[in-house]
Amino acid sequence: MTSPRGILLAGLTVSLVLGGCAGTSARDQTDVQRSLDQSPPPQVLLAEARELSIPDLPKAAAQKQPLGAHADELFDPFAKADEGGEEYDPWEPFNTLMFEFNRKVDKYALKPVAQGYDFIIPDFVQVGISNIFYNFRFPQRFLNNVFQGKVKGASIEVGRFLLNTAVGYAGFLDLAKEIDLVTPDEDFGQTLGFYGVRPGPYLVVPFLQPFTVRDFAGYVTDIFLNPINWLVAPIIEVEGVPSLIAHKNRTTTTFVQIGVRVGEVVNERSRNLEKFQGVEEATLDLYAAVRNAYLQSRTRAIRE
C-alpha cells in the first residue's frame, strides 16, 4: 500500500519559497493504494498530521519510517465528509487549478533537484537535517501547547528541545524520541479549532501545502510566533529589538529565508521520492485523495 503521508506530500512538497522558518506541522514526518479495478477502496493507515514534517530517527533512515508520537489510526482518504474530516470545498475549481500548478512545479523543478540531491546526500544526513528543522520549530509548538492549556505537552516540548539541542547536535539526532519523550505537535490552526473556530473552506495556494481558511490563518500566525523570524533573519521587524541580521539588510534576510526554505523542501522531497511516485501512479483522483486525507488528519489532530 501507499501512504497517506505520501498522498499528503503531493500538496506539501512543492512549498518552495514562502513561509520562512515557521512551517506547519505536517504529519507527518503508511501507504494508500487504489488499483484501477478495486472496489471499494481499502482503508489505510494515516499517520498523524504532524508526521508530514517530523523527521525520522537516524536509525530509521534506510527504511524512511515516519516519526510519530501516537499509534497509527485507520483512515480512508476516499471517505465522504461524514466518515472522516469535514469536507467543504466551495472553491474547488480554483483549488484544482492551483493543485495542478503545484504538481507541475514539482514535476519539472522540485523532483529533478530532489533526485540529484538524493544521489549526493546520504540518507542519515537527510534525516538529521529534517530533525534540525523540526527542532527549530520548537517555539510555536510550545506556545500553542500553552495557548491550549496543555501543560504536559508544553513541558515535553521544552525537554525535547533542551535534550536534542544540547546533546543531539542542535537536533541532528532526536535523542528525545529514544527515551519516549514525545507529544503531539500543536500549531495555531489547531489552537483555533480547540476554541471552536470552524475550519471554513478548503484552500490550495501556489507553492504551499493544503489548508482550510482557519489553518491558513494559523499558518501565518505561526510565522509570527517563531522568534527566528524576528531575532535571526527578521521578516518581522520589531522596533528596538535587535536581530542577528540587521533590519536594514533586507536583501540578505530574503536570501537566507528563501534559501533555508528551499533547502528544507528539497530535503523532504528527496526523502519521499519513492512514496510520492507510488501514490501518483496508484491514485485515480489525486486532488480528492489529498484533500480528504488532509481534512481527516486535521480533524484528528484537533480532537487530540
C-alpha atoms as a PDB file:
ATOM      1  CA  MET A   1       0.000   0.000   0.000  1.00  0.00           C
ATOM      2  CA  THR A   2       0.988   3.617  -0.494  1.00  0.00           C
ATOM      3  CA  SER A   3       0.963   6.011   2.450  1.00  0.00           C
ATOM      4  CA  PRO A   4      -1.415   8.875   3.187  1.00  0.00           C
ATOM      5  CA  ARG A   5       1.755  10.601   4.196  1.00  0.00           C
ATOM      6  CA  GLY A   6       2.775  10.239   0.596  1.00  0.00           C
ATOM      7  CA  ILE A   7      -0.643  11.387  -0.608  1.00  0.00           C
ATOM      8  CA  LEU A   8      -0.470  14.494   1.520  1.00  0.00           C
ATOM      9  CA  LEU A   9       3.065  15.008   0.276  1.00  0.00           C
ATOM     10  CA  ALA A  10       1.596  15.781  -3.136  1.00  0.00           C
ATOM     11  CA  GLY A  11       0.309  19.027  -1.713  1.00  0.00           C
ATOM     12  CA  LEU A  12       3.133  19.653   0.696  1.00  0.00           C
ATOM     13  CA  THR A  13       6.420  19.136  -1.087  1.00  0.00           C
ATOM     14  CA  VAL A  14       6.010  21.983  -3.570  1.00  0.00           C
ATOM     15  CA  SER A  15       6.403  24.642  -0.840  1.00  0.00           C
ATOM     16  CA  LEU A  16       9.395  26.309  -2.456  1.00  0.00           C
ATOM     17  CA  VAL A  17       9.809  29.800  -1.150  1.00  0.00           C
ATOM     18  CA  LEU A  18       7.127  31.041   1.218  1.00  0.00           C
ATOM     19  CA  GLY A  19       6.686  30.827   4.947  1.00  0.00           C
ATOM     20  CA  GLY A  20      10.258  31.265   6.143  1.00  0.00           C
ATOM     21  CA  CYS A  21      11.181  29.028   9.050  1.00  0.00           C
ATOM     22  CA  ALA A  22       7.695  28.950  10.514  1.00  0.00           C
ATOM     23  CA  GLY A  23       6.471  25.824   8.818  1.00  0.00           C
ATOM     24  CA  THR A  24       3.451  23.822   9.741  1.00  0.00           C
ATOM     25  CA  SER A  25       3.311  20.520  11.183  1.00  0.00           C
ATOM     26  CA  ALA A  26       2.663  18.214   8.874  1.00  0.00           C
ATOM     27  CA  ARG A  27       2.214  14.811   9.996  1.00  0.00           C
ATOM     28  CA  ASP A  28       3.801  13.610   9.119  1.00  0.00           C
ATOM     29  CA  GLN A  29       7.059  13.063   9.277  1.00  0.00           C
ATOM     30  CA  THR A  30       1.757   4.059   5.788  1.00  0.00           C
ATOM     31  CA  ASP A  31       0.645   3.701   2.375  1.00  0.00           C
ATOM     32  CA  VAL A  32      -2.503   4.446   0.342  1.00  0.00           C
ATOM     33  CA  GLN A  33      -3.004   2.492  -2.844  1.00  0.00           C
ATOM     34  CA  ARG A  34      -6.056   2.159  -5.007  1.00  0.00           C
ATOM     35  CA  SER A  35      -5.906  -0.075  -8.093  1.00  0.00           C
ATOM     36  CA  LEU A  36      -7.978   0.771 -11.152  1.00  0.00           C
ATOM     37  CA  ASP A  37     -10.343  -2.149 -10.686  1.00  0.00           C
ATOM     38  CA  GLN A  38     -10.509  -2.266  -6.885  1.00  0.00           C
ATOM     39  CA  SER A  39     -13.863  -1.599  -5.221  1.00  0.00           C
ATOM     40  CA  PRO A  40     -14.436  -0.464  -2.568  1.00  0.00           C
ATOM     41  CA  PRO A  41     -11.145   1.334  -1.826  1.00  0.00           C
ATOM     42  CA  PRO A  42      -9.292  -0.088   1.166  1.00  0.00           C
ATOM     43  CA  GLN A  43      -8.885   1.595   4.488  1.00  0.00           C
ATOM     44  CA  VAL A  44      -5.331   2.743   5.001  1.00  0.00           C
ATOM     45  CA  LEU A  45      -3.019   3.865   7.723  1.00  0.00           C
ATOM     46  CA  LEU A  46      -2.813   7.628   8.070  1.00  0.00           C
ATOM     47  CA  ALA A  47      -0.049   8.908  10.300  1.00  0.00           C
ATOM     48  CA  GLU A  48      -0.800  11.885  12.483  1.00  0.00           C
ATOM     49  CA  ALA A  49      -0.836  15.277  10.800  1.00  0.00           C
ATOM     50  CA  ARG A  50       2.492  16.129  12.382  1.00  0.00           C
ATOM     51  CA  GLU A  51       4.230  13.193  10.729  1.00  0.00           C
ATOM     52  CA  LEU A  52       4.292  15.107   7.481  1.00  0.00           C
ATOM     53  CA  SER A  53       7.016  17.318   8.721  1.00  0.00           C
ATOM     54  CA  ILE A  54       8.513  15.439  11.662  1.00  0.00           C
ATOM     55  CA  PRO A  55      11.889  13.915  10.861  1.00  0.00           C
ATOM     56  CA  ASP A  56      12.728  10.266  11.268  1.00  0.00           C
ATOM     57  CA  LEU A  57      15.307   8.943  13.654  1.00  0.00           C
ATOM     58  CA  PRO A  58      18.702   8.318  12.059  1.00  0.00           C
ATOM     59  CA  LYS A  59      18.420   4.573  12.639  1.00  0.00           C
ATOM     60  CA  ALA A  60      15.251   4.540  10.506  1.00  0.00           C
ATOM     61  CA  ALA A  61      16.785   6.457   7.639  1.00  0.00           C
ATOM     62  CA  ALA A  62      17.167   3.493   5.338  1.00  0.00           C
ATOM     63  CA  GLN A  63      13.535   2.478   5.772  1.00  0.00           C
ATOM     64  CA  LYS A  64      12.317   6.109   5.769  1.00  0.00           C
ATOM     65  CA  GLN A  65       9.895   5.349   8.583  1.00  0.00           C
ATOM     66  CA  PRO A  66       7.853   8.322   9.846  1.00  0.00           C
ATOM     67  CA  LEU A  67       8.426   9.563  13.351  1.00  0.00           C
ATOM     68  CA  GLY A  68       5.242   9.905  15.361  1.00  0.00           C
ATOM     69  CA  ALA A  69       4.208  10.218  18.948  1.00  0.00           C
ATOM     70  CA  HIS A  70       0.999   8.265  18.515  1.00  0.00           C
ATOM     71  CA  ALA A  71      -0.069   4.949  17.167  1.00  0.00           C
ATOM     72  CA  ASP A  72      -1.334   4.933  13.600  1.00  0.00           C
ATOM     73  CA  GLU A  73      -5.076   5.001  13.113  1.00  0.00           C
ATOM     74  CA  LEU A  74      -7.243   3.703  10.292  1.00  0.00           C
ATOM     75  CA  PHE A  75      -8.435   6.362   7.872  1.00  0.00           C
ATOM     76  CA  ASP A  76      -9.921   6.173   4.424  1.00  0.00           C
ATOM     77  CA  PRO A  77      -8.660   9.058   2.254  1.00  0.00           C
ATOM     78  CA  PHE A  78     -11.585   8.449  -0.110  1.00  0.00           C
ATOM     79  CA  ALA A  79     -14.171   8.694   2.671  1.00  0.00           C
ATOM     80  CA  LYS A  80     -17.080  11.094   2.454  1.00  0.00           C
ATOM     81  CA  ALA A  81     -17.265  14.061   4.770  1.00  0.00           C
ATOM     82  CA  ASP A  82     -19.491  12.293   7.280  1.00  0.00           C
ATOM     83  CA  GLU A  83     -16.996   9.404   7.518  1.00  0.00           C
ATOM     84  CA  GLY A  84     -13.900  11.441   8.217  1.00  0.00           C
ATOM     85  CA  GLY A  85     -12.896  15.084   8.139  1.00  0.00           C
ATOM     86  CA  GLU A  86     -15.328  17.859   7.294  1.00  0.00           C
ATOM     87  CA  GLU A  87     -15.301  18.233   3.513  1.00  0.00           C
ATOM     88  CA  TYR A  88     -16.197  21.764   2.442  1.00  0.00           C
ATOM     89  CA  ASP A  89     -14.692  22.753  -0.895  1.00  0.00           C
ATOM     90  CA  PRO A  90     -16.733  25.561  -2.493  1.00  0.00           C
ATOM     91  CA  TRP A  91     -13.611  26.870  -4.262  1.00  0.00           C
ATOM     92  CA  GLU A  92     -12.850  23.554  -5.965  1.00  0.00           C
ATOM     93  CA  PRO A  93     -12.337  24.989  -9.483  1.00  0.00           C
ATOM     94  CA  PHE A  94      -9.686  27.421  -8.211  1.00  0.00           C
ATOM     95  CA  ASN A  95      -8.194  24.825  -5.879  1.00  0.00           C
ATOM     96  CA  THR A  96      -7.924  22.256  -8.654  1.00  0.00           C
ATOM     97  CA  LEU A  97      -6.126  24.775 -10.857  1.00  0.00           C
ATOM     98  CA  MET A  98      -3.647  25.605  -8.100  1.00  0.00           C
ATOM     99  CA  PHE A  99      -3.175  21.925  -7.286  1.00  0.00           C
ATOM    100  CA  GLU A 100      -2.241  21.159 -10.905  1.00  0.00           C
ATOM    101  CA  PHE A 101       0.102  24.146 -10.947  1.00  0.00           C
ATOM    102  CA  ASN A 102       1.859  22.841  -7.842  1.00  0.00           C
ATOM    103  CA  ARG A 103       2.134  19.379  -9.397  1.00  0.00           C
ATOM    104  CA  LYS A 104       3.841  20.842 -12.453  1.00  0.00           C
ATOM    105  CA  VAL A 105       6.268  22.776 -10.250  1.00  0.00           C
ATOM    106  CA  ASP A 106       7.047  19.509  -8.519  1.00  0.00           C
ATOM    107  CA  LYS A 107       7.398  17.529 -11.740  1.00  0.00           C
ATOM    108  CA  TYR A 108       9.603  19.958 -13.661  1.00  0.00           C
ATOM    109  CA  ALA A 109      11.550  21.700 -10.882  1.00  0.00           C
ATOM    110  CA  LEU A 110      11.390  20.199  -7.408  1.00  0.00           C
ATOM    111  CA  LYS A 111      11.547  16.493  -8.215  1.00  0.00           C
ATOM    112  CA  PRO A 112      14.611  16.680 -10.541  1.00  0.00           C
ATOM    113  CA  VAL A 113      16.501  18.742  -7.972  1.00  0.00           C
ATOM    114  CA  ALA A 114      15.480  16.331  -5.194  1.00  0.00           C
ATOM    115  CA  GLN A 115      16.687  13.353  -7.255  1.00  0.00           C
ATOM    116  CA  GLY A 116      20.122  14.919  -7.680  1.00  0.00           C
ATOM    117  CA  TYR A 117      20.198  15.837  -4.002  1.00  0.00           C
ATOM    118  CA  ASP A 118      19.267  12.287  -3.012  1.00  0.00           C
ATOM    119  CA  PHE A 119      22.074  10.902  -5.176  1.00  0.00           C
ATOM    120  CA  ILE A 120      24.644  13.041  -3.358  1.00  0.00           C
ATOM    121  CA  ILE A 121      23.428  13.285   0.257  1.00  0.00           C
ATOM    122  CA  PRO A 122      23.372  10.099   2.397  1.00  0.00           C
ATOM    123  CA  ASP A 123      20.060   9.105   3.964  1.00  0.00           C
ATOM    124  CA  PHE A 124      21.223   9.579   7.556  1.00  0.00           C
ATOM    125  CA  VAL A 125      22.295  13.152   6.762  1.00  0.00           C
ATOM    126  CA  GLN A 126      18.901  13.905   5.218  1.00  0.00           C
ATOM    127  CA  VAL A 127      17.216  12.572   8.351  1.00  0.00           C
ATOM    128  CA  GLY A 128      19.455  14.704  10.544  1.00  0.00           C
ATOM    129  CA  ILE A 129      18.680  17.821   8.504  1.00  0.00           C
ATOM    130  CA  SER A 130      14.950  17.152   8.892  1.00  0.00           C
ATOM    131  CA  ASN A 131      15.485  16.739  12.627  1.00  0.00           C
ATOM    132  CA  ILE A 132      17.237  20.117  12.856  1.00  0.00           C
ATOM    133  CA  PHE A 133      14.439  21.929  11.047  1.00  0.00           C
ATOM    134  CA  TYR A 134      11.892  20.274  13.299  1.00  0.00           C
ATOM    135  CA  ASN A 135      13.880  21.201  16.392  1.00  0.00           C
ATOM    136  CA  PHE A 136      13.998  24.859  15.373  1.00  0.00           C
ATOM    137  CA  ARG A 137      10.219  24.969  15.149  1.00  0.00           C
ATOM    138  CA  PHE A 138      10.016  24.330  18.893  1.00  0.00           C
ATOM    139  CA  PRO A 139       8.767  27.856  19.851  1.00  0.00           C
ATOM    140  CA  GLN A 140       5.424  27.723  18.053  1.00  0.00           C
ATOM    141  CA  ARG A 141       4.742  24.152  19.170  1.00  0.00           C
ATOM    142  CA  PHE A 142       5.486  25.136  22.774  1.00  0.00           C
ATOM    143  CA  LEU A 143       3.372  28.294  22.626  1.00  0.00           C
ATOM    144  CA  ASN A 144       0.388  26.528  21.081  1.00  0.00           C
ATOM    145  CA  ASN A 145       0.505  23.922  23.836  1.00  0.00           C
ATOM    146  CA  VAL A 146       0.411  26.815  26.316  1.00  0.00           C
ATOM    147  CA  PHE A 147      -2.454  28.528  24.478  1.00  0.00           C
ATOM    148  CA  GLN A 148      -4.486  25.318  24.740  1.00  0.00           C
ATOM    149  CA  GLY A 149      -3.629  24.783  28.396  1.00  0.00           C
ATOM    150  CA  LYS A 150      -1.673  21.612  27.664  1.00  0.00           C
ATOM    151  CA  VAL A 151       0.909  21.890  30.417  1.00  0.00           C
ATOM    152  CA  LYS A 152       2.264  18.379  29.932  1.00  0.00           C
ATOM    153  CA  GLY A 153       2.712  18.898  26.207  1.00  0.00           C
ATOM    154  CA  ALA A 154       4.470  22.227  26.745  1.00  0.00           C
ATOM    155  CA  SER A 155       6.796  20.634  29.315  1.00  0.00           C
ATOM    156  CA  ILE A 156       7.648  17.777  26.971  1.00  0.00           C
ATOM    157  CA  GLU A 157       8.420  20.234  24.169  1.00  0.00           C
ATOM    158  CA  VAL A 158      10.836  22.098  26.448  1.00  0.00           C
ATOM    159  CA  GLY A 159      12.513  18.856  27.494  1.00  0.00           C
ATOM    160  CA  ARG A 160      12.811  17.671  23.882  1.00  0.00           C
ATOM    161  CA  PHE A 161      14.315  20.942  22.751  1.00  0.00           C
ATOM    162  CA  LEU A 162      16.875  21.117  25.558  1.00  0.00           C
ATOM    163  CA  LEU A 163      17.956  17.489  25.200  1.00  0.00           C
ATOM    164  CA  ASN A 164      18.164  17.423  21.416  1.00  0.00           C
ATOM    165  CA  THR A 165      19.850  20.823  21.197  1.00  0.00           C
ATOM    166  CA  ALA A 166      22.433  20.208  23.919  1.00  0.00           C
ATOM    167  CA  VAL A 167      23.239  16.543  23.318  1.00  0.00           C
ATOM    168  CA  GLY A 168      21.820  15.814  19.878  1.00  0.00           C
ATOM    169  CA  TYR A 169      23.959  18.270  17.924  1.00  0.00           C
ATOM    170  CA  ALA A 170      21.344  21.042  17.629  1.00  0.00           C
ATOM    171  CA  GLY A 171      18.693  18.413  16.941  1.00  0.00           C
ATOM    172  CA  PHE A 172      20.526  16.408  14.275  1.00  0.00           C
ATOM    173  CA  LEU A 173      19.864  13.378  16.481  1.00  0.00           C
ATOM    174  CA  ASP A 174      16.410  13.003  18.005  1.00  0.00           C
ATOM    175  CA  LEU A 175      17.529  11.524  21.304  1.00  0.00           C
ATOM    176  CA  ALA A 176      14.270  12.541  22.983  1.00  0.00           C
ATOM    177  CA  LYS A 177      12.401  10.021  20.861  1.00  0.00           C
ATOM    178  CA  GLU A 178      14.719   7.285  22.084  1.00  0.00           C
ATOM    179  CA  ILE A 179      13.519   7.846  25.659  1.00  0.00           C
ATOM    180  CA  ASP A 180       9.869   8.233  24.586  1.00  0.00           C
ATOM    181  CA  LEU A 181       9.844  11.979  25.235  1.00  0.00           C
ATOM    182  CA  VAL A 182       7.211  12.745  22.617  1.00  0.00           C
ATOM    183  CA  THR A 183       3.971  14.707  22.387  1.00  0.00           C
ATOM    184  CA  PRO A 184       1.553  15.635  19.584  1.00  0.00           C
ATOM    185  CA  ASP A 185       2.522  18.644  17.508  1.00  0.00           C
ATOM    186  CA  GLU A 186       0.431  21.745  18.037  1.00  0.00           C
ATOM    187  CA  ASP A 187       0.008  24.718  15.713  1.00  0.00           C
ATOM    188  CA  PHE A 188      -2.187  27.798  15.787  1.00  0.00           C
ATOM    189  CA  GLY A 189      -4.719  26.277  13.399  1.00  0.00           C
ATOM    190  CA  GLN A 190      -5.256  23.553  15.991  1.00  0.00           C
ATOM    191  CA  THR A 191      -5.445  26.200  18.717  1.00  0.00           C
ATOM    192  CA  LEU A 192      -8.234  27.963  16.836  1.00  0.00           C
ATOM    193  CA  GLY A 193     -10.013  24.627  16.388  1.00  0.00           C
ATOM    194  CA  PHE A 194      -9.560  23.888  20.091  1.00  0.00           C
ATOM    195  CA  TYR A 195     -11.551  27.041  20.882  1.00  0.00           C
ATOM    196  CA  GLY A 196     -14.323  26.168  18.449  1.00  0.00           C
ATOM    197  CA  VAL A 197     -13.351  28.081  15.296  1.00  0.00           C
ATOM    198  CA  ARG A 198     -14.766  26.251  12.290  1.00  0.00           C
ATOM    199  CA  PRO A 199     -12.333  25.192   9.539  1.00  0.00           C
ATOM    200  CA  GLY A 200     -14.024  27.081   6.725  1.00  0.00           C
ATOM    201  CA  PRO A 201     -13.453  26.270   3.051  1.00  0.00           C
ATOM    202  CA  TYR A 202     -10.639  24.053   1.829  1.00  0.00           C
ATOM    203  CA  LEU A 203      -7.907  26.114   0.167  1.00  0.00           C
ATOM    204  CA  VAL A 204      -4.974  25.381  -2.156  1.00  0.00           C
ATOM    205  CA  VAL A 205      -2.467  28.152  -2.892  1.00  0.00           C
ATOM    206  CA  PRO A 206       0.657  28.194  -5.070  1.00  0.00           C
ATOM    207  CA  PHE A 207       3.874  26.782  -3.590  1.00  0.00           C
ATOM    208  CA  LEU A 208       2.281  25.849  -0.264  1.00  0.00           C
ATOM    209  CA  GLN A 209       0.572  22.895   1.358  1.00  0.00           C
ATOM    210  CA  PRO A 210      -3.222  22.462   1.504  1.00  0.00           C
ATOM    211  CA  PHE A 211      -5.136  24.458   4.098  1.00  0.00           C
ATOM    212  CA  THR A 212      -8.536  25.330   5.348  1.00  0.00           C
ATOM    213  CA  VAL A 213      -9.150  29.048   5.845  1.00  0.00           C
ATOM    214  CA  ARG A 214      -8.709  28.546   9.579  1.00  0.00           C
ATOM    215  CA  ASP A 215      -5.460  26.642   9.124  1.00  0.00           C
ATOM    216  CA  PHE A 216      -4.106  29.250   6.713  1.00  0.00           C
ATOM    217  CA  ALA A 217      -4.718  31.936   9.348  1.00  0.00           C
ATOM    218  CA  GLY A 218      -2.960  29.665  11.826  1.00  0.00           C
ATOM    219  CA  TYR A 219      -0.041  29.169   9.437  1.00  0.00           C
ATOM    220  CA  VAL A 220       0.501  32.924   9.133  1.00  0.00           C
ATOM    221  CA  THR A 221       0.236  33.345  12.911  1.00  0.00           C
ATOM    222  CA  ASP A 222       2.842  30.628  13.465  1.00  0.00           C
ATOM    223  CA  ILE A 223       5.267  32.636  11.323  1.00  0.00           C
ATOM    224  CA  PHE A 224       4.939  35.462  13.847  1.00  0.00           C
ATOM    225  CA  LEU A 225       5.303  33.045  16.767  1.00  0.00           C
ATOM    226  CA  ASN A 226       8.716  31.818  15.600  1.00  0.00           C
ATOM    227  CA  PRO A 227      11.403  34.126  17.051  1.00  0.00           C
ATOM    228  CA  ILE A 228      13.809  33.148  14.260  1.00  0.00           C
ATOM    229  CA  ASN A 229      11.669  35.340  12.013  1.00  0.00           C
ATOM    230  CA  TRP A 230      12.287  38.435  14.101  1.00  0.00           C
ATOM    231  CA  LEU A 231      15.529  37.734  16.023  1.00  0.00           C
ATOM    232  CA  VAL A 232      17.679  35.969  13.409  1.00  0.00           C
ATOM    233  CA  ALA A 233      16.504  36.624   9.849  1.00  0.00           C
ATOM    234  CA  PRO A 234      13.798  39.224  10.504  1.00  0.00           C
ATOM    235  CA  ILE A 235      10.891  39.140   8.104  1.00  0.00           C
ATOM    236  CA  ILE A 236       9.101  40.780  11.040  1.00  0.00           C
ATOM    237  CA  GLU A 237      10.807  43.958  12.243  1.00  0.00           C
ATOM    238  CA  VAL A 238      10.222  44.954  15.854  1.00  0.00           C
ATOM    239  CA  GLU A 239      11.496  48.391  16.698  1.00  0.00           C
ATOM    240  CA  GLY A 240      14.126  48.298  19.426  1.00  0.00           C
ATOM    241  CA  VAL A 241      14.558  44.513  19.196  1.00  0.00           C
ATOM    242  CA  PRO A 242      17.983  43.553  17.790  1.00  0.00           C
ATOM    243  CA  SER A 243      18.413  40.773  15.250  1.00  0.00           C
ATOM    244  CA  LEU A 244      21.329  38.698  14.014  1.00  0.00           C
ATOM    245  CA  ILE A 245      20.849  40.103  10.513  1.00  0.00           C
ATOM    246  CA  ALA A 246      20.284  43.841  10.784  1.00  0.00           C
ATOM    247  CA  HIS A 247      16.859  45.115   9.789  1.00  0.00           C
ATOM    248  CA  LYS A 248      18.378  47.272   7.073  1.00  0.00           C
ATOM    249  CA  ASN A 249      19.851  44.207   5.346  1.00  0.00           C
ATOM    250  CA  ARG A 250      16.549  43.096   3.863  1.00  0.00           C
ATOM    251  CA  THR A 251      18.178  41.540   0.802  1.00  0.00           C
ATOM    252  CA  THR A 252      20.324  39.300   2.993  1.00  0.00           C
ATOM    253  CA  THR A 253      17.292  38.302   5.051  1.00  0.00           C
ATOM    254  CA  THR A 254      15.339  37.466   1.902  1.00  0.00           C
ATOM    255  CA  PHE A 255      18.086  35.230   0.528  1.00  0.00           C
ATOM    256  CA  VAL A 256      18.526  33.474   3.887  1.00  0.00           C
ATOM    257  CA  GLN A 257      14.796  32.855   4.333  1.00  0.00           C
ATOM    258  CA  ILE A 258      14.277  31.586   0.784  1.00  0.00           C
ATOM    259  CA  GLY A 259      17.462  29.523   0.846  1.00  0.00           C
ATOM    260  CA  VAL A 260      16.573  27.834   4.123  1.00  0.00           C
ATOM    261  CA  ARG A 261      13.020  27.113   2.999  1.00  0.00           C
ATOM    262  CA  VAL A 262      14.074  25.718  -0.366  1.00  0.00           C
ATOM    263  CA  GLY A 263      16.706  23.575   1.359  1.00  0.00           C
ATOM    264  CA  GLU A 264      14.142  22.133   3.748  1.00  0.00           C
ATOM    265  CA  VAL A 265      11.642  21.367   0.990  1.00  0.00           C
ATOM    266  CA  VAL A 266      14.232  19.736  -1.272  1.00  0.00           C
ATOM    267  CA  ASN A 267      15.459  17.629   1.642  1.00  0.00           C
ATOM    268  CA  GLU A 268      11.941  16.419   2.495  1.00  0.00           C
ATOM    269  CA  ARG A 269      11.103  15.763  -1.160  1.00  0.00           C
ATOM    270  CA  SER A 270      14.292  13.739  -1.524  1.00  0.00           C
ATOM    271  CA  ARG A 271      13.359  11.554   1.421  1.00  0.00           C
ATOM    272  CA  ASN A 272       9.984  10.701  -0.111  1.00  0.00           C
ATOM    273  CA  LEU A 273      10.709  10.189  -3.800  1.00  0.00           C
ATOM    274  CA  GLU A 274       9.527   6.571  -3.906  1.00  0.00           C
ATOM    275  CA  LYS A 275       6.427   7.137  -1.782  1.00  0.00           C
ATOM    276  CA  PHE A 276       5.224  10.075  -3.826  1.00  0.00           C
ATOM    277  CA  GLN A 277       5.841   8.227  -7.085  1.00  0.00           C
ATOM    278  CA  GLY A 278       3.798   5.255  -5.860  1.00  0.00           C
ATOM    279  CA  VAL A 279       0.900   7.450  -4.784  1.00  0.00           C
ATOM    280  CA  GLU A 280       0.757   9.295  -8.104  1.00  0.00           C
ATOM    281  CA  GLU A 281       0.702   6.050 -10.049  1.00  0.00           C
ATOM    282  CA  ALA A 282      -1.866   4.309  -7.836  1.00  0.00           C
ATOM    283  CA  THR A 283      -4.408   7.082  -7.231  1.00  0.00           C
ATOM    284  CA  LEU A 284      -7.181   7.864  -9.710  1.00  0.00           C
ATOM    285  CA  ASP A 285      -8.166  11.244  -8.234  1.00  0.00           C
ATOM    286  CA  LEU A 286      -5.094  12.654  -6.512  1.00  0.00           C
ATOM    287  CA  TYR A 287      -6.733  16.000  -5.732  1.00  0.00           C
ATOM    288  CA  ALA A 288      -9.629  14.374  -3.833  1.00  0.00           C
ATOM    289  CA  ALA A 289      -7.288  11.965  -2.065  1.00  0.00           C
ATOM    290  CA  VAL A 290      -5.026  14.792  -0.850  1.00  0.00           C
ATOM    291  CA  ARG A 291      -7.996  16.877   0.246  1.00  0.00           C
ATOM    292  CA  ASN A 292      -9.731  14.081   2.141  1.00  0.00           C
ATOM    293  CA  ALA A 293      -6.564  12.845   3.823  1.00  0.00           C
ATOM    294  CA  TYR A 294      -5.668  16.391   4.869  1.00  0.00           C
ATOM    295  CA  LEU A 295      -9.103  17.162   6.288  1.00  0.00           C
ATOM    296  CA  GLN A 296      -9.236  13.880   8.195  1.00  0.00           C
ATOM    297  CA  SER A 297      -5.760  14.350   9.634  1.00  0.00           C
ATOM    298  CA  ARG A 298      -6.580  17.881  10.800  1.00  0.00           C
ATOM    299  CA  THR A 299      -9.835  16.731  12.373  1.00  0.00           C
ATOM    300  CA  ARG A 300      -7.982  14.081  14.321  1.00  0.00           C
ATOM    301  CA  ALA A 301      -5.188  16.452  15.368  1.00  0.00           C
ATOM    302  CA  ILE A 302      -7.677  18.928  16.839  1.00  0.00           C
ATOM    303  CA  ARG A 303      -9.511  16.181  18.722  1.00  0.00           C
ATOM    304  CA  GLU A 304      -6.334  15.020  20.444  1.00  0.00           C
END
